[in-house]
Amino acid sequence: MGRQSPPQSRLFYTTVSLEKRIRKDHPLRKIVEMVDFDFIYGEVEDRYGINGNVSVAPPVILKMMLLLILYNVRSERELMLTIPERLDWLWFLGYDLDDEIPNHSVLSKARSRWGVEVFRSFFERIVRQCMEAGLVDGSKLFVDASLIDAHASNNSVVDTHDLKRYLDKNYRLFEERLDEGEVEKTTPANSRYISRTDPDASVTRHGGGKPRLRYKTHRAVDPHGEVITATTITLGSHDEGDLLMEMVSCHERTTGVRVKTAVGDSKYGKIDNFLYCHELGIRLHAPSIEQTHRGSGRQEGIFSKEVFDYDPQTDTFTCPAGQILRRRNYHKDRRQYEYKAPAGICAQCHLRVRCTRATDGRTLKRHERQDELDTMLHLATSSKAQRDIKTRQHLAERSFAWSTRYGYKRTRWRRLWRVQIQDFLVAAVQNITILINHSTDKLSKSNAQKGQQRTFQNIAGVFSGFRYSIMMLGSKFSVNCNAI
């Protein structure tokens, strides 16, 4: 039985090499081989001066932020404390054992200096690299959104309609800062209740839970390799259906491929989205909001719009009771015509209980581009569209579920532009992981094919030797027969 002697530190380590200490199949090795971090020099060159202290190399800063997301480190302080303890991190950053690790403040200063566009460029570079690897088809797009908890407490929320705010000098300074920042607020609740910690976060309720400060991430995923091709951050109260056009535009700009089919849930099935896709020649496979909510709430037990017959020649509707609904008004904002029967006729109709609960009778609305809208709605109810909608439920949720290991469910930093940086980093890390797995699978298949070829060659060699033995045996047998 051996016993360990007390440790004694050495003055010199002549045989220690980080290159040898890191295993050959380490994920960070593959990232170094596949990702070019030196592009950052050209992106941030104009953001540094010519005087003063020399900064940490930009590729090192970007790699540190990548480690922060990839390993889901709790904070930047903890990241800097952990780097000297991890040989693989030191090797990845290009540091040696006795190199000085920079202060954690270099990361926050770099984010402020670089801005969002640098991280957007990094994300788009990874997407294009995935395209070169054959992981992106580009013709079909799956869109979805998910809420993110803000890095702020509900106790920081203040009521801007409260008279006490005028008595607080600090609050007045805070309100002036909000006016300068031009914070976007989309609902009355968000324009009234603001967080002093993170003014950009919006008070959002999800399901039956309590209202919380949240952001919302919008994501476009290509089904071929499940690569994230477009992503953006908005307030938590923002309607994801309004972001479809932006998602399609970002996807086409990054990939250079025209979208032929866009797939989403019922929140994307808005009239404007259907008409927008019709103009671009895109199939929108999403349930219509109107059809989804039909028969629920106040419309429960009421005749649907399809029961009424429309005559394009007379531009009128005929109700189940045989009465005529004529055009009355035009809603400019919604671009819809309103059709209505006289109130007296509806009041005396025996089908009134099943037709309407309004006191002035049944009203129908028809869009000014209803024919184009009907064409898109017909495509959205096809069997192919139903399969895509069902696939979206698993593919989009799987993409967001995968992001939870990188800490996307809660923001690391505050303010909208910083959360956008985090979103780009999470999406880039997820795409890099897909790229690494693809290269690993490709290498495994190549090795398997080489192994099969060697096996076939060995088998062919065995059969060749066996054939030669039989030929030699046959020649000997023929010689013996001739001798007899």
Protein backbone atom coordinates (compact mmCIF):
# COMPACT_ATOMS: atom_id res chain seq x y z
CA MET A 1 0.00 0.00 0.00
CA GLY A 2 1.46 3.33 -1.05
CA ARG A 3 1.24 6.54 0.89
CA GLN A 4 1.19 10.02 -0.57
CA SER A 5 3.95 12.32 0.53
CA PRO A 6 3.12 15.90 1.56
CA PRO A 7 2.89 18.21 -1.45
CA GLN A 8 5.89 20.38 -2.15
CA SER A 9 5.59 23.18 -4.67
CA ARG A 10 8.19 23.44 -7.40
CA LEU A 11 9.89 26.53 -8.64
CA PHE A 12 9.81 25.48 -12.29
CA TYR A 13 7.55 23.17 -14.33
CA THR A 14 9.44 22.25 -17.45
CA THR A 15 7.11 19.51 -18.68
CA VAL A 16 3.73 21.25 -18.28
CA SER A 17 2.02 22.10 -21.59
CA LEU A 18 -1.60 23.24 -21.86
CA GLU A 19 -1.70 21.93 -25.42
CA LYS A 20 -0.99 18.40 -24.14
CA ARG A 21 -3.30 18.73 -21.14
CA ILE A 22 -6.42 19.41 -23.26
CA ARG A 23 -7.86 16.26 -24.79
CA LYS A 24 -8.14 16.02 -28.56
CA ASP A 25 -11.95 15.80 -28.66
CA HIS A 26 -12.58 18.72 -26.29
CA PRO A 27 -15.48 20.94 -27.52
CA LEU A 28 -13.40 24.08 -27.14
CA ARG A 29 -10.83 22.61 -29.55
CA LYS A 30 -13.56 22.21 -32.15
CA ILE A 31 -14.76 25.77 -31.58
CA VAL A 32 -11.23 27.09 -32.14
CA GLU A 33 -10.96 25.03 -35.33
CA MET A 34 -14.33 26.15 -36.75
CA VAL A 35 -14.90 29.71 -35.54
CA ASP A 36 -12.74 32.66 -36.60
CA PHE A 37 -12.71 35.16 -33.72
CA ASP A 38 -10.19 37.48 -35.38
CA PHE A 39 -12.94 39.07 -37.48
CA ILE A 40 -13.71 41.21 -34.43
CA TYR A 41 -10.61 43.33 -35.10
CA GLY A 42 -12.16 44.82 -38.21
CA GLU A 43 -15.57 45.24 -36.57
CA VAL A 44 -14.38 47.29 -33.57
CA GLU A 45 -11.36 49.03 -35.03
CA ASP A 46 -13.08 52.41 -35.15
CA ARG A 47 -14.29 52.12 -31.55
CA TYR A 48 -10.82 52.42 -29.98
CA GLY A 49 -8.56 55.44 -29.69
CA ILE A 50 -4.84 55.83 -30.28
CA ASN A 51 -3.89 57.08 -26.81
CA GLY A 52 -4.25 55.70 -23.30
CA ASN A 53 -3.91 52.19 -21.95
CA VAL A 54 -3.86 49.20 -24.27
CA SER A 55 -7.06 47.16 -24.02
CA VAL A 56 -7.49 43.42 -23.76
CA ALA A 57 -7.49 41.86 -27.22
CA PRO A 58 -11.07 41.94 -28.63
CA PRO A 59 -11.03 38.21 -29.62
CA VAL A 60 -10.21 37.33 -26.00
CA ILE A 61 -13.12 39.44 -24.74
CA LEU A 62 -15.50 37.77 -27.21
CA LYS A 63 -14.26 34.33 -26.14
CA MET A 64 -14.87 35.23 -22.49
CA MET A 65 -18.45 36.20 -23.26
CA LEU A 66 -18.83 32.94 -25.16
CA LEU A 67 -17.60 30.98 -22.12
CA LEU A 68 -20.02 32.92 -19.93
CA ILE A 69 -22.97 31.68 -22.01
CA LEU A 70 -21.66 28.24 -23.02
CA TYR A 71 -21.01 27.14 -19.43
CA ASN A 72 -23.84 29.26 -17.99
CA VAL A 73 -21.55 30.92 -15.44
CA ARG A 74 -23.55 32.79 -12.83
CA SER A 75 -21.75 36.13 -13.14
CA GLU A 76 -18.78 37.80 -14.79
CA ARG A 77 -16.97 38.02 -11.46
CA GLU A 78 -17.28 34.27 -11.05
CA LEU A 79 -16.06 33.79 -14.62
CA MET A 80 -12.84 35.68 -13.91
CA LEU A 81 -12.31 33.74 -10.69
CA THR A 82 -12.84 30.41 -12.46
CA ILE A 83 -10.61 31.03 -15.48
CA PRO A 84 -7.30 30.42 -13.58
CA GLU A 85 -8.73 27.14 -12.24
CA ARG A 86 -9.67 25.75 -15.64
CA LEU A 87 -6.83 24.62 -17.90
CA ASP A 88 -9.18 24.28 -20.87
CA TRP A 89 -10.43 27.84 -20.46
CA LEU A 90 -6.86 29.15 -20.21
CA TRP A 91 -5.93 27.29 -23.39
CA PHE A 92 -9.08 28.52 -25.17
CA LEU A 93 -8.31 32.15 -24.26
CA GLY A 94 -4.65 31.84 -25.22
CA TYR A 95 -3.41 32.38 -21.65
CA ASP A 96 -0.63 30.59 -19.81
CA LEU A 97 -0.56 29.45 -16.18
CA ASP A 98 1.14 32.58 -14.89
CA ASP A 99 -0.71 35.15 -17.07
CA GLU A 100 -2.72 37.83 -15.31
CA ILE A 101 -6.50 37.54 -15.74
CA PRO A 102 -8.20 40.91 -16.49
CA ASN A 103 -10.82 42.49 -14.30
CA HIS A 104 -14.45 41.60 -14.89
CA SER A 105 -15.22 45.20 -15.84
CA VAL A 106 -13.57 44.74 -19.26
CA LEU A 107 -16.65 42.79 -20.38
CA SER A 108 -19.20 45.45 -19.46
CA LYS A 109 -16.99 48.18 -20.94
CA ALA A 110 -16.62 46.19 -24.16
CA ARG A 111 -20.38 45.77 -24.52
CA SER A 112 -20.89 49.50 -24.14
CA ARG A 113 -18.05 50.27 -26.54
CA TRP A 114 -18.92 47.73 -29.22
CA GLY A 115 -22.71 48.00 -29.28
CA VAL A 116 -25.31 45.52 -30.51
CA GLU A 117 -24.26 45.39 -34.16
CA VAL A 118 -20.95 43.65 -33.43
CA PHE A 119 -22.74 40.75 -31.75
CA ARG A 120 -25.33 40.67 -34.53
CA SER A 121 -22.47 40.32 -37.01
CA PHE A 122 -21.00 37.46 -34.98
CA PHE A 123 -24.36 35.66 -34.92
CA GLU A 124 -24.88 36.10 -38.67
CA ARG A 125 -21.37 34.79 -39.39
CA ILE A 126 -22.17 31.59 -37.54
CA VAL A 127 -25.44 31.23 -39.48
CA ARG A 128 -23.61 31.58 -42.80
CA GLN A 129 -21.06 29.03 -41.64
CA CYS A 130 -23.90 26.63 -40.89
CA MET A 131 -25.17 27.24 -44.42
CA GLU A 132 -21.77 26.31 -45.86
CA ALA A 133 -21.95 23.07 -43.86
CA GLY A 134 -25.33 22.24 -45.44
CA LEU A 135 -27.32 22.73 -42.23
CA VAL A 136 -29.64 25.46 -43.57
CA ASP A 137 -32.10 25.06 -46.43
CA GLY A 138 -33.72 28.49 -46.08
CA SER A 139 -36.93 27.91 -48.00
CA LYS A 140 -39.06 27.08 -44.92
CA LEU A 141 -39.13 29.06 -41.70
CA PHE A 142 -40.59 28.24 -38.27
CA VAL A 143 -41.25 31.28 -36.03
CA ASP A 144 -42.09 31.44 -32.35
CA ALA A 145 -41.60 33.60 -29.26
CA SER A 146 -40.88 33.08 -25.58
CA LEU A 147 -40.93 35.26 -22.46
CA ILE A 148 -37.74 36.07 -20.53
CA ASP A 149 -37.72 37.21 -16.91
CA ALA A 150 -35.99 40.56 -16.45
CA HIS A 151 -33.12 41.00 -14.01
CA ALA A 152 -35.28 43.19 -11.77
CA SER A 153 -37.64 42.72 -8.85
CA ASN A 154 -41.33 43.57 -8.83
CA ASN A 155 -40.56 45.76 -5.82
CA SER A 156 -38.76 48.15 -8.16
CA VAL A 157 -42.00 48.93 -10.04
CA VAL A 158 -43.43 52.41 -9.41
CA ASP A 159 -46.76 53.94 -10.36
CA THR A 160 -46.24 57.03 -12.50
CA HIS A 161 -49.79 58.20 -11.63
CA ASP A 162 -49.02 58.29 -7.93
CA LEU A 163 -48.82 61.80 -6.49
CA LYS A 164 -46.03 60.77 -4.12
CA ARG A 165 -43.59 60.76 -7.00
CA TYR A 166 -43.60 64.56 -7.07
CA LEU A 167 -42.30 64.63 -3.49
CA ASP A 168 -39.31 62.43 -4.29
CA LYS A 169 -36.36 64.26 -5.84
CA ASN A 170 -34.68 61.02 -6.89
CA TYR A 171 -37.81 59.94 -8.71
CA ARG A 172 -37.90 63.17 -10.71
CA LEU A 173 -34.32 62.55 -11.81
CA PHE A 174 -35.27 59.00 -12.74
CA GLU A 175 -38.24 60.25 -14.78
CA GLU A 176 -35.99 62.66 -16.69
CA ARG A 177 -33.68 59.77 -17.52
CA LEU A 178 -36.63 57.80 -18.87
CA ASP A 179 -37.65 60.70 -21.11
CA GLU A 180 -34.14 60.88 -22.53
CA GLY A 181 -34.06 57.12 -23.17
CA GLU A 182 -37.36 57.11 -25.10
CA VAL A 183 -38.52 53.84 -23.59
CA GLU A 184 -41.02 51.99 -25.76
CA LYS A 185 -44.30 51.18 -24.02
CA THR A 186 -47.01 49.32 -25.88
CA THR A 187 -49.83 48.99 -23.34
CA PRO A 188 -51.48 51.38 -20.85
CA ALA A 189 -50.20 49.26 -17.97
CA ASN A 190 -46.61 49.55 -19.16
CA SER A 191 -46.92 53.29 -19.68
CA ARG A 192 -48.09 53.66 -16.09
CA TYR A 193 -45.97 51.11 -14.20
CA ILE A 194 -42.19 51.36 -14.71
CA SER A 195 -39.31 49.59 -13.03
CA ARG A 196 -36.68 51.87 -11.51
CA THR A 197 -34.10 49.08 -11.91
CA ASP A 198 -34.80 48.16 -15.55
CA PRO A 199 -37.05 50.75 -17.23
CA ASP A 200 -37.15 48.80 -20.51
CA ALA A 201 -38.76 45.70 -18.96
CA SER A 202 -42.54 45.57 -19.20
CA VAL A 203 -45.06 44.30 -16.66
CA THR A 204 -46.44 41.16 -18.33
CA ARG A 205 -48.86 38.48 -17.18
CA HIS A 206 -48.56 34.99 -18.67
CA GLY A 207 -51.41 32.54 -18.24
CA GLY A 208 -52.75 32.50 -14.71
CA GLY A 209 -49.50 33.65 -13.11
CA LYS A 210 -48.72 36.94 -11.46
CA PRO A 211 -47.56 39.96 -13.47
CA ARG A 212 -43.77 40.10 -13.71
CA LEU A 213 -41.13 42.19 -15.41
CA ARG A 214 -40.33 40.45 -18.67
CA TYR A 215 -38.84 40.68 -22.13
CA LYS A 216 -39.76 38.56 -25.13
CA THR A 217 -37.43 36.81 -27.56
CA HIS A 218 -38.60 36.15 -31.11
CA ARG A 219 -36.87 33.39 -33.03
CA ALA A 220 -36.84 31.92 -36.54
CA VAL A 221 -35.62 28.34 -36.93
CA ASP A 222 -34.74 26.48 -40.12
CA PRO A 223 -36.12 22.90 -39.94
CA HIS A 224 -33.30 21.30 -41.95
CA GLY A 225 -30.72 21.48 -39.15
CA GLU A 226 -32.72 23.41 -36.51
CA VAL A 227 -30.35 26.36 -36.91
CA ILE A 228 -31.56 29.71 -35.53
CA THR A 229 -31.45 32.07 -38.52
CA ALA A 230 -33.03 35.20 -36.97
CA THR A 231 -33.67 36.45 -33.45
CA THR A 232 -34.67 39.71 -31.78
CA ILE A 233 -35.80 41.04 -28.40
CA THR A 234 -38.88 43.18 -27.61
CA LEU A 235 -40.87 44.10 -24.55
CA GLY A 236 -42.72 41.26 -22.89
CA SER A 237 -46.08 42.76 -23.84
CA HIS A 238 -45.24 43.00 -27.54
CA ASP A 239 -47.44 40.91 -29.84
CA GLU A 240 -45.30 38.30 -31.60
CA GLY A 241 -47.62 38.35 -34.59
CA ASP A 242 -46.32 41.82 -35.47
CA LEU A 243 -42.75 40.47 -35.82
CA LEU A 244 -43.38 38.01 -38.68
CA MET A 245 -42.32 40.47 -41.38
CA GLU A 246 -39.14 41.33 -39.50
CA MET A 247 -38.27 37.66 -38.96
CA VAL A 248 -38.69 36.87 -42.66
CA SER A 249 -36.64 39.91 -43.66
CA CYS A 250 -33.80 39.08 -41.23
CA HIS A 251 -33.75 35.46 -42.36
CA GLU A 252 -33.53 36.35 -46.04
CA ARG A 253 -30.88 39.01 -45.43
CA THR A 254 -28.68 36.62 -43.43
CA THR A 255 -29.08 33.48 -45.53
CA GLY A 256 -29.61 35.06 -48.95
CA VAL A 257 -32.40 32.53 -49.60
CA ARG A 258 -35.98 33.51 -50.33
CA VAL A 259 -38.57 32.12 -47.94
CA LYS A 260 -41.27 30.02 -49.58
CA THR A 261 -43.14 28.83 -46.47
CA ALA A 262 -43.50 30.42 -43.03
CA VAL A 263 -44.97 28.40 -40.15
CA GLY A 264 -46.31 29.79 -36.88
CA ASP A 265 -49.06 29.42 -34.30
CA SER A 266 -52.40 31.22 -34.24
CA LYS A 267 -50.82 34.47 -32.96
CA TYR A 268 -49.20 34.87 -36.37
CA GLY A 269 -52.47 34.19 -38.23
CA LYS A 270 -53.34 37.87 -38.60
CA ILE A 271 -54.89 39.40 -41.67
CA ASP A 272 -51.92 41.69 -42.27
CA ASN A 273 -49.53 38.71 -42.14
CA PHE A 274 -51.57 36.70 -44.63
CA LEU A 275 -51.71 39.61 -47.06
CA TYR A 276 -48.01 40.38 -46.57
CA CYS A 277 -47.10 36.78 -47.39
CA HIS A 278 -49.43 36.87 -50.40
CA GLU A 279 -47.56 39.87 -51.80
CA LEU A 280 -44.21 38.08 -51.42
CA GLY A 281 -45.45 34.73 -52.69
CA ILE A 282 -44.98 33.03 -49.30
CA ARG A 283 -47.23 30.31 -47.95
CA LEU A 284 -48.23 31.14 -44.36
CA HIS A 285 -49.06 27.95 -42.50
CA ALA A 286 -50.69 29.36 -39.38
CA PRO A 287 -54.20 29.04 -37.93
CA SER A 288 -56.28 32.16 -38.45
CA ILE A 289 -56.92 34.13 -35.25
CA GLU A 290 -60.50 34.77 -36.31
CA GLN A 291 -61.19 31.10 -36.95
CA THR A 292 -59.40 30.02 -33.78
CA HIS A 293 -61.55 32.21 -31.51
CA ARG A 294 -64.73 31.55 -33.44
CA GLY A 295 -67.43 29.91 -31.34
CA SER A 296 -65.92 30.97 -28.03
CA GLY A 297 -66.90 33.73 -25.59
CA ARG A 298 -69.73 35.89 -26.87
CA GLN A 299 -69.71 33.96 -30.16
CA GLU A 300 -70.57 30.64 -28.54
CA GLY A 301 -73.67 29.14 -30.15
CA ILE A 302 -73.79 31.88 -32.82
CA PHE A 303 -73.85 31.31 -36.60
CA SER A 304 -70.37 31.59 -38.12
CA LYS A 305 -69.57 33.84 -41.04
CA GLU A 306 -69.42 30.89 -43.45
CA VAL A 307 -73.18 30.28 -43.02
CA PHE A 308 -73.88 33.55 -44.81
CA ASP A 309 -73.75 33.41 -48.63
CA TYR A 310 -71.89 36.22 -50.37
CA ASP A 311 -72.93 37.42 -53.84
CA PRO A 312 -70.04 39.28 -55.54
CA GLN A 313 -72.32 40.70 -58.24
CA THR A 314 -74.63 42.50 -55.83
CA ASP A 315 -72.00 42.81 -53.06
CA THR A 316 -74.43 41.48 -50.44
CA PHE A 317 -74.70 38.67 -47.89
CA THR A 318 -77.71 36.38 -47.45
CA CYS A 319 -78.39 35.11 -43.93
CA PRO A 320 -79.81 31.61 -43.09
CA ALA A 321 -83.27 33.19 -42.80
CA GLY A 322 -83.06 34.55 -46.36
CA GLN A 323 -82.59 38.22 -45.42
CA ILE A 324 -80.13 40.50 -47.26
CA LEU A 325 -77.21 42.22 -45.50
CA ARG A 326 -76.01 45.26 -47.46
CA ARG A 327 -72.84 47.32 -47.19
CA ARG A 328 -73.18 50.16 -44.66
CA ASN A 329 -69.81 51.48 -43.49
CA TYR A 330 -66.09 51.30 -44.20
CA HIS A 331 -63.50 51.03 -41.42
CA LYS A 332 -60.42 52.81 -42.68
CA ASP A 333 -58.03 51.49 -40.02
CA ARG A 334 -58.99 47.84 -40.53
CA ARG A 335 -59.68 48.26 -44.26
CA GLN A 336 -62.96 46.39 -43.86
CA TYR A 337 -66.50 46.92 -45.15
CA GLU A 338 -69.42 46.44 -42.80
CA TYR A 339 -72.59 44.63 -43.89
CA LYS A 340 -75.80 44.83 -41.92
CA ALA A 341 -79.51 44.07 -42.15
CA PRO A 342 -82.19 46.49 -40.94
CA ALA A 343 -82.61 46.33 -37.15
CA GLY A 344 -86.35 45.75 -37.46
CA ILE A 345 -85.93 42.64 -39.59
CA CYS A 346 -83.39 41.11 -37.19
CA ALA A 347 -85.65 41.87 -34.22
CA GLN A 348 -88.54 39.85 -35.74
CA CYS A 349 -86.38 36.95 -37.04
CA HIS A 350 -87.03 33.52 -35.48
CA LEU A 351 -83.27 32.69 -35.76
CA ARG A 352 -82.18 35.79 -33.84
CA VAL A 353 -81.10 33.80 -30.75
CA ARG A 354 -78.69 31.72 -32.85
CA CYS A 355 -77.58 34.64 -35.04
CA THR A 356 -76.68 37.58 -32.79
CA ARG A 357 -76.85 39.02 -29.28
CA ALA A 358 -76.49 42.63 -30.43
CA THR A 359 -79.50 44.87 -29.99
CA ASP A 360 -79.14 46.44 -33.45
CA GLY A 361 -78.86 43.13 -35.35
CA ARG A 362 -76.17 40.97 -36.96
CA THR A 363 -73.14 42.60 -38.54
CA LEU A 364 -70.58 41.06 -40.91
CA LYS A 365 -67.21 42.42 -41.99
CA ARG A 366 -65.41 41.81 -45.26
CA HIS A 367 -61.87 42.92 -46.03
CA GLU A 368 -61.23 44.97 -49.15
CA ARG A 369 -58.77 42.22 -50.25
CA GLN A 370 -60.95 39.36 -49.14
CA ASP A 371 -60.37 37.28 -52.29
CA GLU A 372 -56.61 37.23 -51.71
CA LEU A 373 -57.19 36.56 -48.02
CA ASP A 374 -59.45 33.59 -48.82
CA THR A 375 -56.72 32.11 -51.01
CA MET A 376 -54.19 32.32 -48.18
CA LEU A 377 -56.65 30.93 -45.64
CA HIS A 378 -57.34 27.97 -47.93
CA LEU A 379 -53.61 27.21 -48.12
CA ALA A 380 -53.36 27.51 -44.33
CA THR A 381 -55.95 24.75 -43.86
CA SER A 382 -54.39 22.25 -46.27
CA SER A 383 -53.03 18.90 -45.12
CA LYS A 384 -49.45 20.07 -45.71
CA ALA A 385 -50.06 23.12 -43.54
CA GLN A 386 -51.49 20.98 -40.76
CA ARG A 387 -48.37 18.80 -40.78
CA ASP A 388 -46.14 21.89 -40.60
CA ILE A 389 -48.17 23.34 -37.72
CA LYS A 390 -47.86 20.08 -35.83
CA THR A 391 -44.12 19.96 -36.51
CA ARG A 392 -43.73 23.52 -35.25
CA GLN A 393 -45.04 22.54 -31.82
CA HIS A 394 -42.08 20.21 -31.30
CA LEU A 395 -39.36 22.03 -33.26
CA ALA A 396 -39.84 25.51 -31.81
CA GLU A 397 -40.32 24.28 -28.26
CA ARG A 398 -37.24 22.08 -28.59
CA SER A 399 -35.17 25.05 -29.69
CA PHE A 400 -36.21 27.12 -26.66
CA ALA A 401 -35.85 24.15 -24.32
CA TRP A 402 -32.28 23.70 -25.55
CA SER A 403 -31.55 27.36 -24.78
CA THR A 404 -32.44 26.90 -21.10
CA ARG A 405 -29.07 25.25 -20.47
CA TYR A 406 -27.48 28.55 -21.52
CA GLY A 407 -29.55 30.58 -19.07
CA TYR A 408 -31.80 32.40 -21.52
CA LYS A 409 -34.88 32.30 -19.24
CA ARG A 410 -33.56 35.19 -17.15
CA THR A 411 -31.63 38.18 -18.40
CA ARG A 412 -28.07 38.64 -17.19
CA TRP A 413 -28.05 42.38 -17.76
CA ARG A 414 -30.51 45.26 -17.81
CA ARG A 415 -31.89 47.45 -20.57
CA LEU A 416 -33.15 46.26 -23.92
CA TRP A 417 -29.92 46.60 -25.91
CA ARG A 418 -27.96 44.50 -23.41
CA VAL A 419 -30.63 41.79 -23.43
CA GLN A 420 -30.36 41.79 -27.23
CA ILE A 421 -26.63 41.11 -26.92
CA GLN A 422 -27.36 38.17 -24.63
CA ASP A 423 -29.91 36.86 -27.11
CA PHE A 424 -27.40 36.96 -29.98
CA LEU A 425 -24.80 35.16 -27.86
CA VAL A 426 -27.22 32.41 -26.80
CA ALA A 427 -28.35 31.85 -30.40
CA ALA A 428 -24.73 31.85 -31.63
CA VAL A 429 -23.67 29.31 -28.99
CA GLN A 430 -26.60 27.08 -29.88
CA ASN A 431 -25.74 27.22 -33.58
CA ILE A 432 -22.07 26.52 -32.84
CA THR A 433 -23.13 23.42 -30.90
CA ILE A 434 -25.17 22.25 -33.89
CA LEU A 435 -22.18 22.88 -36.15
CA ILE A 436 -19.87 20.86 -33.87
CA ASN A 437 -22.30 17.96 -33.63
CA HIS A 438 -22.65 17.92 -37.40
CA SER A 439 -18.89 17.79 -37.95
CA THR A 440 -18.58 15.04 -35.33
CA ASP A 441 -21.32 12.97 -36.95
CA LYS A 442 -19.78 13.52 -40.37
CA LEU A 443 -16.39 12.37 -39.10
CA SER A 444 -17.95 9.32 -37.44
CA LYS A 445 -19.73 8.36 -40.66
CA SER A 446 -16.52 8.82 -42.61
CA ASN A 447 -14.62 6.59 -40.19
CA ALA A 448 -17.42 4.03 -40.30
CA GLN A 449 -17.32 3.99 -44.11
CA LYS A 450 -13.54 3.55 -44.04
CA GLY A 451 -13.94 0.70 -41.55
CA GLN A 452 -16.51 -0.97 -43.80
CA GLN A 453 -14.20 -0.63 -46.78
CA ARG A 454 -11.35 -2.26 -44.85
CA THR A 455 -13.68 -5.05 -43.77
CA PHE A 456 -14.80 -5.66 -47.34
CA GLN A 457 -11.19 -5.64 -48.49
CA ASN A 458 -10.28 -8.20 -45.83
CA ILE A 459 -13.20 -10.41 -46.80
CA ALA A 460 -12.29 -10.07 -50.48
CA GLY A 461 -8.72 -11.05 -49.61
CA VAL A 462 -9.92 -14.13 -47.74
CA PHE A 463 -12.11 -15.22 -50.66
CA SER A 464 -9.26 -14.56 -53.10
CA GLY A 465 -6.91 -16.78 -51.09
CA PHE A 466 -9.56 -19.47 -50.79
CA ARG A 467 -10.12 -19.36 -54.55
CA TYR A 468 -6.37 -19.69 -55.19
CA SER A 469 -6.18 -22.73 -52.88
CA ILE A 470 -9.02 -24.44 -54.74
CA MET A 471 -7.34 -23.75 -58.09
CA MET A 472 -4.06 -25.25 -56.87
CA LEU A 473 -5.85 -28.28 -55.47
CA GLY A 474 -7.67 -28.78 -58.78
CA SER A 475 -4.43 -28.62 -60.76
CA LYS A 476 -2.81 -31.22 -58.52
CA PHE A 477 -5.83 -33.51 -58.86
CA SER A 478 -5.73 -33.28 -62.68
CA VAL A 479 -2.03 -34.16 -62.71
CA ASN A 480 -2.62 -37.26 -60.59
CA CYS A 481 -5.45 -38.41 -62.87
CA ASN A 482 -3.22 -38.09 -65.96
CA ALA A 483 -0.52 -40.12 -64.26
CA ILE A 484 -2.99 -42.92 -63.53
